[in-house]
Structure formats: structure tokens, C-alpha cells
PDB file of all heavy atoms in Angstrom:
ATOM      1  N   ILE A   1     124.728  84.695  29.166  1.00  0.00           N
ATOM      2  CA  ILE A   1     125.743  84.197  30.147  1.00  0.00           C
ATOM      3  C   ILE A   1     125.042  83.775  31.451  1.00  0.00           C
ATOM      4  O   ILE A   1     125.382  82.774  32.071  1.00  0.00           O
ATOM      5  CB  ILE A   1     126.756  85.247  30.338  1.00  0.00           C
ATOM      6  CG1 ILE A   1     127.717  85.370  29.069  1.00  0.00           C
ATOM      7  CG2 ILE A   1     127.701  84.892  31.621  1.00  0.00           C
ATOM      8  CD1 ILE A   1     128.592  84.305  28.772  1.00  0.00           C
ATOM      9  N   LYS A   2     124.056  84.616  31.854  1.00  0.00           N
ATOM     10  CA  LYS A   2     123.306  84.190  33.036  1.00  0.00           C
ATOM     11  C   LYS A   2     122.648  82.982  32.814  1.00  0.00           C
ATOM     12  O   LYS A   2     122.619  82.099  33.793  1.00  0.00           O
ATOM     13  CB  LYS A   2     122.217  85.269  33.379  1.00  0.00           C
ATOM     14  CG  LYS A   2     122.752  86.512  34.008  1.00  0.00           C
ATOM     15  CD  LYS A   2     121.535  87.383  34.241  1.00  0.00           C
ATOM     16  CE  LYS A   2     122.022  88.803  34.824  1.00  0.00           C
ATOM     17  NZ  LYS A   2     120.975  89.710  34.994  1.00  0.00           N
ATOM     18  N   ASP A   3     122.053  82.588  31.753  1.00  0.00           N
ATOM     19  CA  ASP A   3     121.441  81.297  31.508  1.00  0.00           C
ATOM     20  C   ASP A   3     122.456  80.143  31.518  1.00  0.00           C
ATOM     21  O   ASP A   3     122.084  79.080  32.080  1.00  0.00           O
ATOM     22  CB  ASP A   3     120.750  81.356  30.124  1.00  0.00           C
ATOM     23  CG  ASP A   3     119.436  82.129  30.118  1.00  0.00           C
ATOM     24  OD1 ASP A   3     118.979  82.509  31.217  1.00  0.00           O
ATOM     25  OD2 ASP A   3     118.979  82.446  28.915  1.00  0.00           O
ATOM     26  N   VAL A   4     123.585  80.447  30.857  1.00  0.00           N
ATOM     27  CA  VAL A   4     124.529  79.360  30.964  1.00  0.00           C
ATOM     28  C   VAL A   4     125.027  78.863  32.301  1.00  0.00           C
ATOM     29  O   VAL A   4     125.127  77.819  32.751  1.00  0.00           O
ATOM     30  CB  VAL A   4     125.793  79.803  30.094  1.00  0.00           C
ATOM     31  CG1 VAL A   4     127.089  78.790  30.294  1.00  0.00           C
ATOM     32  CG2 VAL A   4     125.609  79.732  28.671  1.00  0.00           C
ATOM     33  N   ILE A   5     125.248  80.096  33.120  1.00  0.00           N
ATOM     34  CA  ILE A   5     125.634  79.832  34.625  1.00  0.00           C
ATOM     35  C   ILE A   5     124.523  79.121  35.264  1.00  0.00           C
ATOM     36  O   ILE A   5     124.761  78.092  36.052  1.00  0.00           O
ATOM     37  CB  ILE A   5     125.981  81.170  35.276  1.00  0.00           C
ATOM     38  CG1 ILE A   5     127.288  81.738  34.628  1.00  0.00           C
ATOM     39  CG2 ILE A   5     126.135  80.954  36.663  1.00  0.00           C
ATOM     40  CD1 ILE A   5     127.617  83.135  35.072  1.00  0.00           C
ATOM     41  N   GLN A   6     123.331  79.526  35.161  1.00  0.00           N
ATOM     42  CA  GLN A   6     122.227  78.885  35.818  1.00  0.00           C
ATOM     43  C   GLN A   6     122.108  77.418  35.426  1.00  0.00           C
ATOM     44  O   GLN A   6     121.835  76.554  36.172  1.00  0.00           O
ATOM     45  CB  GLN A   6     120.912  79.680  35.543  1.00  0.00           C
ATOM     46  CG  GLN A   6     119.696  78.996  36.229  1.00  0.00           C
ATOM     47  CD  GLN A   6     119.832  79.299  37.710  1.00  0.00           C
ATOM     48  OE1 GLN A   6     120.384  80.244  38.141  1.00  0.00           O
ATOM     49  NE2 GLN A   6     119.373  78.448  38.469  1.00  0.00           N
ATOM     50  N   ARG A   7     122.291  77.003  34.126  1.00  0.00           N
ATOM     51  CA  ARG A   7     122.149  75.647  33.668  1.00  0.00           C
ATOM     52  C   ARG A   7     123.289  74.909  34.175  1.00  0.00           C
ATOM     53  O   ARG A   7     122.992  73.674  34.491  1.00  0.00           O
ATOM     54  CB  ARG A   7     122.016  75.650  32.163  1.00  0.00           C
ATOM     55  CG  ARG A   7     120.770  76.188  31.796  1.00  0.00           C
ATOM     56  CD  ARG A   7     120.536  76.158  30.240  1.00  0.00           C
ATOM     57  NE  ARG A   7     119.291  77.038  29.954  1.00  0.00           N
ATOM     58  CZ  ARG A   7     118.696  76.830  28.803  1.00  0.00           C
ATOM     59  NH1 ARG A   7     119.124  76.184  27.755  1.00  0.00           N
ATOM     60  NH2 ARG A   7     117.495  77.579  28.701  1.00  0.00           N
ATOM     61  N   ILE A   8     124.508  75.510  34.270  1.00  0.00           N
ATOM     62  CA  ILE A   8     125.544  74.706  34.890  1.00  0.00           C
ATOM     63  C   ILE A   8     125.216  74.362  36.353  1.00  0.00           C
ATOM     64  O   ILE A   8     125.326  73.178  36.778  1.00  0.00           O
ATOM     65  CB  ILE A   8     126.878  75.541  34.815  1.00  0.00           C
ATOM     66  CG1 ILE A   8     127.319  75.549  33.361  1.00  0.00           C
ATOM     67  CG2 ILE A   8     127.944  74.838  35.741  1.00  0.00           C
ATOM     68  CD1 ILE A   8     128.594  76.622  33.210  1.00  0.00           C
ATOM     69  N   ILE A   9     124.746  75.348  37.107  1.00  0.00           N
ATOM     70  CA  ILE A   9     124.478  75.136  38.456  1.00  0.00           C
ATOM     71  C   ILE A   9     123.296  74.084  38.660  1.00  0.00           C
ATOM     72  O   ILE A   9     123.445  73.147  39.470  1.00  0.00           O
ATOM     73  CB  ILE A   9     124.051  76.450  39.191  1.00  0.00           C
ATOM     74  CG1 ILE A   9     125.230  77.391  39.388  1.00  0.00           C
ATOM     75  CG2 ILE A   9     123.378  76.122  40.552  1.00  0.00           C
ATOM     76  CD1 ILE A   9     125.005  78.835  39.779  1.00  0.00           C
ATOM     77  N   GLU A  10     122.275  74.184  37.793  1.00  0.00           N
ATOM     78  CA  GLU A  10     121.173  73.308  37.830  1.00  0.00           C
ATOM     79  C   GLU A  10     121.508  71.887  37.414  1.00  0.00           C
ATOM     80  O   GLU A  10     120.956  70.850  37.956  1.00  0.00           O
ATOM     81  CB  GLU A  10     119.983  73.773  37.063  1.00  0.00           C
ATOM     82  CG  GLU A  10     119.321  74.924  37.502  1.00  0.00           C
ATOM     83  CD  GLU A  10     118.255  75.590  36.596  1.00  0.00           C
ATOM     84  OE1 GLU A  10     118.208  75.082  35.365  1.00  0.00           O
ATOM     85  OE2 GLU A  10     117.541  76.486  37.015  1.00  0.00           O
ATOM     86  N   SER A  11     122.414  71.722  36.542  1.00  0.00           N
ATOM     87  CA  SER A  11     122.902  70.407  35.996  1.00  0.00           C
ATOM     88  C   SER A  11     123.832  69.713  36.977  1.00  0.00           C
ATOM     89  O   SER A  11     124.015  68.504  36.879  1.00  0.00           O
ATOM     90  CB  SER A  11     123.602  70.495  34.600  1.00  0.00           C
ATOM     91  OG  SER A  11     122.723  71.119  33.696  1.00  0.00           O
ATOM     92  N   HIS A  12     124.511  70.500  37.818  1.00  0.00           N
ATOM     93  CA  HIS A  12     125.444  69.943  38.631  1.00  0.00           C
ATOM     94  C   HIS A  12     125.323  70.416  40.112  1.00  0.00           C
ATOM     95  O   HIS A  12     126.329  71.000  40.662  1.00  0.00           O
ATOM     96  CB  HIS A  12     126.944  70.188  38.084  1.00  0.00           C
ATOM     97  CG  HIS A  12     127.167  69.718  36.628  1.00  0.00           C
ATOM     98  ND1 HIS A  12     127.458  68.498  36.366  1.00  0.00           N
ATOM     99  CD2 HIS A  12     127.077  70.547  35.699  1.00  0.00           C
ATOM    100  CE1 HIS A  12     127.641  68.447  35.100  1.00  0.00           C
ATOM    101  NE2 HIS A  12     127.448  69.620  34.577  1.00  0.00           N
ATOM    102  N   PRO A  13     124.172  70.229  40.711  1.00  0.00           N
ATOM    103  CA  PRO A  13     123.937  70.797  42.019  1.00  0.00           C
ATOM    104  C   PRO A  13     124.825  70.387  43.055  1.00  0.00           C
ATOM    105  O   PRO A  13     125.140  71.033  44.088  1.00  0.00           O
ATOM    106  CB  PRO A  13     122.431  70.561  42.373  1.00  0.00           C
ATOM    107  CG  PRO A  13     122.194  69.371  41.535  1.00  0.00           C
ATOM    108  CD  PRO A  13     123.066  69.454  40.253  1.00  0.00           C
ATOM    109  N   ASP A  14     125.372  69.028  42.961  1.00  0.00           N
ATOM    110  CA  ASP A  14     126.080  68.564  44.073  1.00  0.00           C
ATOM    111  C   ASP A  14     127.773  68.465  43.686  1.00  0.00           C
ATOM    112  O   ASP A  14     128.491  67.846  44.428  1.00  0.00           O
ATOM    113  CB  ASP A  14     125.669  67.109  44.491  1.00  0.00           C
ATOM    114  CG  ASP A  14     124.181  67.258  44.881  1.00  0.00           C
ATOM    115  OD1 ASP A  14     123.821  68.308  45.640  1.00  0.00           O
ATOM    116  OD2 ASP A  14     123.459  66.421  44.659  1.00  0.00           O
ATOM    117  N   ASP A  15     127.991  69.092  42.616  1.00  0.00           N
ATOM    118  CA  ASP A  15     129.450  68.905  42.109  1.00  0.00           C
ATOM    119  C   ASP A  15     130.079  70.204  42.218  1.00  0.00           C
ATOM    120  O   ASP A  15     130.134  71.124  41.356  1.00  0.00           O
ATOM    121  CB  ASP A  15     129.366  68.435  40.514  1.00  0.00           C
ATOM    122  CG  ASP A  15     130.793  68.053  40.068  1.00  0.00           C
ATOM    123  OD1 ASP A  15     131.770  68.286  40.846  1.00  0.00           O
ATOM    124  OD2 ASP A  15     130.783  67.505  39.033  1.00  0.00           O
ATOM    125  N   LEU A  16     130.871  70.332  43.301  1.00  0.00           N
ATOM    126  CA  LEU A  16     131.660  71.699  43.672  1.00  0.00           C
ATOM    127  C   LEU A  16     132.737  71.760  42.724  1.00  0.00           C
ATOM    128  O   LEU A  16     133.234  72.880  42.476  1.00  0.00           O
ATOM    129  CB  LEU A  16     132.064  71.584  45.061  1.00  0.00           C
ATOM    130  CG  LEU A  16     130.923  71.815  46.139  1.00  0.00           C
ATOM    131  CD1 LEU A  16     131.408  71.773  47.585  1.00  0.00           C
ATOM    132  CD2 LEU A  16     130.073  73.070  45.895  1.00  0.00           C
ATOM    133  N   ASP A  17     133.259  70.653  42.104  1.00  0.00           N
ATOM    134  CA  ASP A  17     134.345  70.845  41.172  1.00  0.00           C
ATOM    135  C   ASP A  17     134.055  71.632  40.038  1.00  0.00           C
ATOM    136  O   ASP A  17     134.795  72.470  39.466  1.00  0.00           O
ATOM    137  CB  ASP A  17     134.882  69.463  40.998  1.00  0.00           C
ATOM    138  CG  ASP A  17     135.667  68.747  42.000  1.00  0.00           C
ATOM    139  OD1 ASP A  17     136.049  69.468  42.897  1.00  0.00           O
ATOM    140  OD2 ASP A  17     135.734  67.452  41.967  1.00  0.00           O
ATOM    141  N   ILE A  18     132.715  71.402  39.546  1.00  0.00           N
ATOM    142  CA  ILE A  18     132.333  72.188  38.459  1.00  0.00           C
ATOM    143  C   ILE A  18     132.263  73.666  38.715  1.00  0.00           C
ATOM    144  O   ILE A  18     132.693  74.555  38.023  1.00  0.00           O
ATOM    145  CB  ILE A  18     130.877  71.746  37.997  1.00  0.00           C
ATOM    146  CG1 ILE A  18     130.942  70.282  37.358  1.00  0.00           C
ATOM    147  CG2 ILE A  18     130.261  72.591  36.889  1.00  0.00           C
ATOM    148  CD1 ILE A  18     131.690  70.165  36.163  1.00  0.00           C
ATOM    149  N   ILE A  19     131.643  73.937  39.986  1.00  0.00           N
ATOM    150  CA  ILE A  19     131.514  75.423  40.414  1.00  0.00           C
ATOM    151  C   ILE A  19     132.841  76.089  40.533  1.00  0.00           C
ATOM    152  O   ILE A  19     133.054  77.157  40.315  1.00  0.00           O
ATOM    153  CB  ILE A  19     130.552  75.499  41.700  1.00  0.00           C
ATOM    154  CG1 ILE A  19     129.299  74.780  41.527  1.00  0.00           C
ATOM    155  CG2 ILE A  19     130.443  76.851  42.172  1.00  0.00           C
ATOM    156  CD1 ILE A  19     128.377  75.328  40.386  1.00  0.00           C
ATOM    157  N   LYS A  20     133.809  75.265  40.998  1.00  0.00           N
ATOM    158  CA  LYS A  20     135.182  75.781  41.169  1.00  0.00           C
ATOM    159  C   LYS A  20     136.071  75.862  39.974  1.00  0.00           C
ATOM    160  O   LYS A  20     137.243  76.245  40.030  1.00  0.00           O
ATOM    161  CB  LYS A  20     135.919  75.026  42.380  1.00  0.00           C
ATOM    162  CG  LYS A  20     135.247  75.179  43.714  1.00  0.00           C
ATOM    163  CD  LYS A  20     135.878  74.324  44.709  1.00  0.00           C
ATOM    164  CE  LYS A  20     135.331  74.523  46.077  1.00  0.00           C
ATOM    165  NZ  LYS A  20     135.879  73.615  47.067  1.00  0.00           N
ATOM    166  N   SER A  21     135.577  75.198  38.786  1.00  0.00           N
ATOM    167  CA  SER A  21     136.347  75.053  37.631  1.00  0.00           C
ATOM    168  C   SER A  21     136.680  76.470  37.000  1.00  0.00           C
ATOM    169  O   SER A  21     136.016  77.399  37.145  1.00  0.00           O
ATOM    170  CB  SER A  21     135.549  74.243  36.665  1.00  0.00           C
ATOM    171  OG  SER A  21     134.514  74.855  36.124  1.00  0.00           O
ATOM    172  N   GLU A  22     137.737  76.349  36.310  1.00  0.00           N
ATOM    173  CA  GLU A  22     138.225  77.551  35.495  1.00  0.00           C
ATOM    174  C   GLU A  22     137.125  77.981  34.521  1.00  0.00           C
ATOM    175  O   GLU A  22     136.883  79.245  34.296  1.00  0.00           O
ATOM    176  CB  GLU A  22     139.526  77.306  34.677  1.00  0.00           C
ATOM    177  CG  GLU A  22     140.125  78.394  34.138  1.00  0.00           C
ATOM    178  CD  GLU A  22     140.510  79.556  35.131  1.00  0.00           C
ATOM    179  OE1 GLU A  22     140.921  79.239  36.261  1.00  0.00           O
ATOM    180  OE2 GLU A  22     140.431  80.734  34.783  1.00  0.00           O
ATOM    181  N   THR A  23     136.434  77.054  33.865  1.00  0.00           N
ATOM    182  CA  THR A  23     135.370  77.501  32.830  1.00  0.00           C
ATOM    183  C   THR A  23     134.226  78.088  33.613  1.00  0.00           C
ATOM    184  O   THR A  23     133.807  79.159  33.054  1.00  0.00           O
ATOM    185  CB  THR A  23     134.874  76.139  32.140  1.00  0.00           C
ATOM    186  OG1 THR A  23     136.013  75.468  31.622  1.00  0.00           O
ATOM    187  CG2 THR A  23     133.806  76.411  31.192  1.00  0.00           C
ATOM    188  N   PHE A  24     133.815  77.697  34.670  1.00  0.00           N
ATOM    189  CA  PHE A  24     132.793  78.304  35.450  1.00  0.00           C
ATOM    190  C   PHE A  24     133.164  79.686  35.839  1.00  0.00           C
ATOM    191  O   PHE A  24     132.456  80.670  35.649  1.00  0.00           O
ATOM    192  CB  PHE A  24     132.389  77.579  36.658  1.00  0.00           C
ATOM    193  CG  PHE A  24     131.077  78.015  37.328  1.00  0.00           C
ATOM    194  CD1 PHE A  24     129.842  77.719  36.795  1.00  0.00           C
ATOM    195  CD2 PHE A  24     131.227  78.948  38.494  1.00  0.00           C
ATOM    196  CE1 PHE A  24     128.732  78.310  37.406  1.00  0.00           C
ATOM    197  CE2 PHE A  24     130.138  79.379  39.130  1.00  0.00           C
ATOM    198  CZ  PHE A  24     128.759  78.947  38.553  1.00  0.00           C
ATOM    199  N   ARG A  25     134.320  79.896  36.307  1.00  0.00           N
ATOM    200  CA  ARG A  25     134.942  81.340  36.663  1.00  0.00           C
ATOM    201  C   ARG A  25     134.965  82.125  35.552  1.00  0.00           C
ATOM    202  O   ARG A  25     134.673  83.356  35.544  1.00  0.00           O
ATOM    203  CB  ARG A  25     136.274  81.142  37.428  1.00  0.00           C
ATOM    204  CG  ARG A  25     136.068  80.750  38.906  1.00  0.00           C
ATOM    205  CD  ARG A  25     137.463  81.002  39.656  1.00  0.00           C
ATOM    206  NE  ARG A  25     137.715  79.506  40.124  1.00  0.00           N
ATOM    207  CZ  ARG A  25     138.891  78.931  39.947  1.00  0.00           C
ATOM    208  NH1 ARG A  25     139.801  79.615  39.391  1.00  0.00           N
ATOM    209  NH2 ARG A  25     138.997  77.699  40.405  1.00  0.00           N
ATOM    210  N   MET A  26     135.294  81.508  34.376  1.00  0.00           N
ATOM    211  CA  MET A  26     135.369  82.373  33.135  1.00  0.00           C
ATOM    212  C   MET A  26     133.996  82.935  32.775  1.00  0.00           C
ATOM    213  O   MET A  26     133.806  84.049  32.478  1.00  0.00           O
ATOM    214  CB  MET A  26     135.849  81.526  31.970  1.00  0.00           C
ATOM    215  CG  MET A  26     136.045  82.403  30.712  1.00  0.00           C
ATOM    216  SD  MET A  26     136.167  81.271  29.236  1.00  0.00           S
ATOM    217  CE  MET A  26     134.580  80.360  29.210  1.00  0.00           C
ATOM    218  N   TYR A  27     132.996  82.089  32.853  1.00  0.00           N
ATOM    219  CA  TYR A  27     131.613  82.547  32.645  1.00  0.00           C
ATOM    220  C   TYR A  27     131.167  83.573  33.652  1.00  0.00           C
ATOM    221  O   TYR A  27     130.638  84.496  33.292  1.00  0.00           O
ATOM    222  CB  TYR A  27     130.596  81.413  32.624  1.00  0.00           C
ATOM    223  CG  TYR A  27     130.527  80.614  31.395  1.00  0.00           C
ATOM    224  CD1 TYR A  27     130.987  79.244  31.286  1.00  0.00           C
ATOM    225  CD2 TYR A  27     130.210  81.246  30.188  1.00  0.00           C
ATOM    226  CE1 TYR A  27     130.970  78.545  30.153  1.00  0.00           C
ATOM    227  CE2 TYR A  27     130.118  80.574  28.943  1.00  0.00           C
ATOM    228  CZ  TYR A  27     130.582  79.095  29.015  1.00  0.00           C
ATOM    229  OH  TYR A  27     130.449  78.469  27.772  1.00  0.00           O
ATOM    230  N   GLN A  28     131.526  83.363  34.884  1.00  0.00           N
ATOM    231  CA  GLN A  28     131.262  84.415  36.037  1.00  0.00           C
ATOM    232  C   GLN A  28     131.848  85.686  35.763  1.00  0.00           C
ATOM    233  O   GLN A  28     131.237  86.749  35.725  1.00  0.00           O
ATOM    234  CB  GLN A  28     131.590  83.871  37.280  1.00  0.00           C
ATOM    235  CG  GLN A  28     130.630  82.814  37.950  1.00  0.00           C
ATOM    236  CD  GLN A  28     131.081  82.452  39.337  1.00  0.00           C
ATOM    237  OE1 GLN A  28     132.148  82.211  39.595  1.00  0.00           O
ATOM    238  NE2 GLN A  28     130.079  82.595  40.406  1.00  0.00           N
ATOM    239  N   LYS A  29     133.037  85.632  35.344  1.00  0.00           N
ATOM    240  CA  LYS A  29     133.799  86.885  34.976  1.00  0.00           C
ATOM    241  C   LYS A  29     133.170  87.612  33.784  1.00  0.00           C
ATOM    242  O   LYS A  29     133.062  88.865  33.852  1.00  0.00           O
ATOM    243  CB  LYS A  29     135.284  86.573  34.738  1.00  0.00           C
ATOM    244  CG  LYS A  29     136.202  87.782  34.476  1.00  0.00           C
ATOM    245  CD  LYS A  29     137.605  87.377  34.172  1.00  0.00           C
ATOM    246  CE  LYS A  29     138.542  88.495  34.071  1.00  0.00           C
ATOM    247  NZ  LYS A  29     138.490  89.144  32.876  1.00  0.00           N
ATOM    248  N   GLU A  30     132.952  86.849  32.752  1.00  0.00           N
ATOM    249  CA  GLU A  30     132.429  87.404  31.639  1.00  0.00           C
ATOM    250  C   GLU A  30     130.839  88.042  31.975  1.00  0.00           C
ATOM    251  O   GLU A  30     130.594  89.097  31.473  1.00  0.00           O
ATOM    252  CB  GLU A  30     132.018  86.360  30.575  1.00  0.00           C
ATOM    253  CG  GLU A  30     131.518  86.847  29.299  1.00  0.00           C
ATOM    254  CD  GLU A  30     132.509  87.570  28.355  1.00  0.00           C
ATOM    255  OE1 GLU A  30     133.761  87.505  28.609  1.00  0.00           O
ATOM    256  OE2 GLU A  30     131.923  88.210  27.469  1.00  0.00           O
ATOM    257  N   GLY A  31     130.126  87.302  32.807  1.00  0.00           N
ATOM    258  CA  GLY A  31     128.923  87.913  33.164  1.00  0.00           C
ATOM    259  C   GLY A  31     128.986  89.186  33.989  1.00  0.00           C
ATOM    260  O   GLY A  31     128.231  90.075  33.825  1.00  0.00           O
ATOM    261  N   VAL A  32     129.859  89.243  34.882  1.00  0.00           N
ATOM    262  CA  VAL A  32     130.190  90.487  35.711  1.00  0.00           C
ATOM    263  C   VAL A  32     130.497  91.584  34.715  1.00  0.00           C
ATOM    264  O   VAL A  32     130.036  92.724  34.844  1.00  0.00           O
ATOM    265  CB  VAL A  32     131.207  90.275  36.818  1.00  0.00           C
ATOM    266  CG1 VAL A  32     131.633  91.622  37.436  1.00  0.00           C
ATOM    267  CG2 VAL A  32     130.803  89.323  37.816  1.00  0.00           C
ATOM    268  N   GLU A  33     131.462  91.356  33.755  1.00  0.00           N
ATOM    269  CA  GLU A  33     131.895  92.446  32.919  1.00  0.00           C
ATOM    270  C   GLU A  33     130.661  92.830  32.020  1.00  0.00           C
ATOM    271  O   GLU A  33     130.617  94.024  31.705  1.00  0.00           O
ATOM    272  CB  GLU A  33     133.041  91.927  32.095  1.00  0.00           C
ATOM    273  CG  GLU A  33     134.344  91.678  32.932  1.00  0.00           C
ATOM    274  CD  GLU A  33     135.404  90.939  32.122  1.00  0.00           C
ATOM    275  OE1 GLU A  33     135.237  90.545  30.950  1.00  0.00           O
ATOM    276  OE2 GLU A  33     136.592  90.825  32.651  1.00  0.00           O
TER     277      GLU A  33
END
């Protein structure tokens, strides 16, 4: 999960919509859990 989050961030460094997306939040939540 950490790798997925890191790759999303690296692939879309200037796209805040990706970072604010439901999918990204889902990965973050899963990572925290």
C-alpha cells in the first residue's frame, strides 16, 4: 500500500485532483489501518 501511494504521488505530482480522489483516500485509509 505504501508503494502504491508513493507511485500515485510520483506519477501525478501536480495533480491535486488525484490526491483528493476517493481512490487515493481509500489507499491512505487502508495504509493507516
